[in-house]
Amino acid sequence: MTPMSRFYADEPTREREIAMYVDGKYLARGRASEARSPATYGFKGWETIPPDRLTFERDKGPFSYDRPYMCWASGERLTATEILTWLRETA
């Protein structure tokens, strides 16, 4: 897992965006802290999708700048356990 802060370097008061995927398919995005609930308890929709079917991607711009980009092209997918670890470490 690549080291990354919870907030953007270019916007230090803005929490990093996170994309969430179910079985590899994009579902939604939101602030990093909003990933805690689905990563812990599953995504609640018509039915609850368990955390082991979810993956997460942190927003990361290309070319070394750290500001909102949201093209979801980093290729890094984190499991529910990995995103929870990252949220704890960057709290």
C-alpha atoms as a PDB file:
ATOM      1  CA  MET A   1       0.000   0.000   0.000  1.00  0.00           C
ATOM      2  CA  THR A   2       1.462   3.331  -1.095  1.00  0.00           C
ATOM      3  CA  PRO A   3       1.873   5.917   1.709  1.00  0.00           C
ATOM      4  CA  MET A   4      -0.670   8.698   1.262  1.00  0.00           C
ATOM      5  CA  SER A   5      -2.103  11.352   3.568  1.00  0.00           C
ATOM      6  CA  ARG A   6      -5.786  11.623   4.414  1.00  0.00           C
ATOM      7  CA  PHE A   7      -5.888  15.201   3.066  1.00  0.00           C
ATOM      8  CA  TYR A   8      -4.644  16.587  -0.245  1.00  0.00           C
ATOM      9  CA  ALA A   9      -1.312  18.424  -0.090  1.00  0.00           C
ATOM     10  CA  ASP A  10      -2.661  21.177  -2.384  1.00  0.00           C
ATOM     11  CA  GLU A  11      -5.893  21.468  -0.334  1.00  0.00           C
ATOM     12  CA  PRO A  12      -4.941  20.533   3.248  1.00  0.00           C
ATOM     13  CA  THR A  13      -8.477  21.005   4.619  1.00  0.00           C
ATOM     14  CA  ARG A  14     -10.112  18.747   2.000  1.00  0.00           C
ATOM     15  CA  GLU A  15     -10.350  15.065   2.790  1.00  0.00           C
ATOM     16  CA  ARG A  16      -9.159  12.755   0.024  1.00  0.00           C
ATOM     17  CA  GLU A  17     -11.835  11.130  -2.138  1.00  0.00           C
ATOM     18  CA  ILE A  18     -12.219   7.349  -2.211  1.00  0.00           C
ATOM     19  CA  ALA A  19     -13.894   5.245  -4.921  1.00  0.00           C
ATOM     20  CA  MET A  20     -15.655   2.043  -3.905  1.00  0.00           C
ATOM     21  CA  TYR A  21     -16.053  -1.021  -6.107  1.00  0.00           C
ATOM     22  CA  VAL A  22     -18.209  -4.131  -5.760  1.00  0.00           C
ATOM     23  CA  ASP A  23     -16.704  -7.210  -7.378  1.00  0.00           C
ATOM     24  CA  GLY A  24     -14.394  -4.879  -9.317  1.00  0.00           C
ATOM     25  CA  LYS A  25     -17.178  -2.646 -10.680  1.00  0.00           C
ATOM     26  CA  TYR A  26     -17.338   1.041  -9.737  1.00  0.00           C
ATOM     27  CA  LEU A  27     -20.170   1.842  -7.332  1.00  0.00           C
ATOM     28  CA  ALA A  28     -19.652   5.227  -5.686  1.00  0.00           C
ATOM     29  CA  ARG A  29     -17.205   7.770  -4.354  1.00  0.00           C
ATOM     30  CA  GLY A  30     -17.010   9.974  -1.281  1.00  0.00           C
ATOM     31  CA  ARG A  31     -14.741  11.392   1.392  1.00  0.00           C
ATOM     32  CA  ALA A  32     -12.203   8.984   2.866  1.00  0.00           C
ATOM     33  CA  SER A  33     -13.970   8.797   6.240  1.00  0.00           C
ATOM     34  CA  GLU A  34     -17.164   7.615   4.510  1.00  0.00           C
ATOM     35  CA  ALA A  35     -15.382   4.382   3.551  1.00  0.00           C
ATOM     36  CA  ARG A  36     -15.193   3.282   7.195  1.00  0.00           C
ATOM     37  CA  SER A  37     -18.788   2.030   7.490  1.00  0.00           C
ATOM     38  CA  PRO A  38     -18.949  -0.125   4.324  1.00  0.00           C
ATOM     39  CA  ALA A  39     -15.431  -1.443   4.942  1.00  0.00           C
ATOM     40  CA  THR A  40     -16.504  -2.498   8.438  1.00  0.00           C
ATOM     41  CA  TYR A  41     -20.146  -3.549   8.054  1.00  0.00           C
ATOM     42  CA  GLY A  42     -20.641  -3.920   4.309  1.00  0.00           C
ATOM     43  CA  PHE A  43     -22.469  -1.718   1.834  1.00  0.00           C
ATOM     44  CA  LYS A  44     -26.152  -1.440   2.642  1.00  0.00           C
ATOM     45  CA  GLY A  45     -28.417  -1.199  -0.405  1.00  0.00           C
ATOM     46  CA  TRP A  46     -31.263  -3.513  -1.413  1.00  0.00           C
ATOM     47  CA  GLU A  47     -29.161  -6.117   0.331  1.00  0.00           C
ATOM     48  CA  THR A  48     -25.975  -5.824   2.346  1.00  0.00           C
ATOM     49  CA  ILE A  49     -22.867  -6.475   0.288  1.00  0.00           C
ATOM     50  CA  PRO A  50     -20.181  -7.894   2.596  1.00  0.00           C
ATOM     51  CA  PRO A  51     -16.819  -6.117   2.971  1.00  0.00           C
ATOM     52  CA  ASP A  52     -14.939  -8.992   1.342  1.00  0.00           C
ATOM     53  CA  ARG A  53     -16.611  -8.105  -1.995  1.00  0.00           C
ATOM     54  CA  LEU A  54     -15.615  -4.430  -1.746  1.00  0.00           C
ATOM     55  CA  THR A  55     -12.412  -2.752  -2.877  1.00  0.00           C
ATOM     56  CA  PHE A  56     -11.397   0.889  -2.574  1.00  0.00           C
ATOM     57  CA  GLU A  57      -9.226   3.297  -4.536  1.00  0.00           C
ATOM     58  CA  ARG A  58      -7.769   6.516  -3.161  1.00  0.00           C
ATOM     59  CA  ASP A  59      -7.833   9.570  -5.411  1.00  0.00           C
ATOM     60  CA  LYS A  60      -4.351  10.312  -6.651  1.00  0.00           C
ATOM     61  CA  GLY A  61      -3.398  12.722  -9.404  1.00  0.00           C
ATOM     62  CA  PRO A  62      -0.702  11.859 -11.937  1.00  0.00           C
ATOM     63  CA  PHE A  63       2.744  13.428 -12.179  1.00  0.00           C
ATOM     64  CA  SER A  64       3.463  13.842  -8.431  1.00  0.00           C
ATOM     65  CA  TYR A  65       0.919  16.566  -7.675  1.00  0.00           C
ATOM     66  CA  ASP A  66      -1.516  15.894  -4.887  1.00  0.00           C
ATOM     67  CA  ARG A  67      -4.825  17.584  -5.578  1.00  0.00           C
ATOM     68  CA  PRO A  68      -8.282  16.270  -6.482  1.00  0.00           C
ATOM     69  CA  TYR A  69      -8.191  14.376  -9.767  1.00  0.00           C
ATOM     70  CA  MET A  70     -10.895  11.684  -9.501  1.00  0.00           C
ATOM     71  CA  CYS A  71     -10.131   9.842 -12.712  1.00  0.00           C
ATOM     72  CA  TRP A  72      -9.627   6.627 -10.758  1.00  0.00           C
ATOM     73  CA  ALA A  73      -6.671   5.529 -12.804  1.00  0.00           C
ATOM     74  CA  SER A  74      -4.058   4.696 -10.182  1.00  0.00           C
ATOM     75  CA  GLY A  75      -4.777   0.988 -10.469  1.00  0.00           C
ATOM     76  CA  GLU A  76      -4.277   0.552  -6.728  1.00  0.00           C
ATOM     77  CA  ARG A  77      -7.179  -1.335  -5.185  1.00  0.00           C
ATOM     78  CA  LEU A  78      -7.320  -1.708  -1.421  1.00  0.00           C
ATOM     79  CA  THR A  79      -9.300  -4.338   0.440  1.00  0.00           C
ATOM     80  CA  ALA A  80     -11.664  -3.379   3.243  1.00  0.00           C
ATOM     81  CA  THR A  81      -8.988  -4.350   5.790  1.00  0.00           C
ATOM     82  CA  GLU A  82      -6.353  -2.235   4.026  1.00  0.00           C
ATOM     83  CA  ILE A  83      -8.575   0.857   3.796  1.00  0.00           C
ATOM     84  CA  LEU A  84      -9.469   0.561   7.497  1.00  0.00           C
ATOM     85  CA  THR A  85      -5.758   0.296   8.374  1.00  0.00           C
ATOM     86  CA  TRP A  86      -5.010   3.374   6.279  1.00  0.00           C
ATOM     87  CA  LEU A  87      -7.884   5.318   7.897  1.00  0.00           C
ATOM     88  CA  ARG A  88      -6.548   4.425  11.374  1.00  0.00           C
ATOM     89  CA  GLU A  89      -2.978   5.367  10.474  1.00  0.00           C
ATOM     90  CA  THR A  90      -3.962   8.733   9.001  1.00  0.00           C
ATOM     91  CA  ALA A  91      -6.488   9.769  11.665  1.00  0.00           C
END
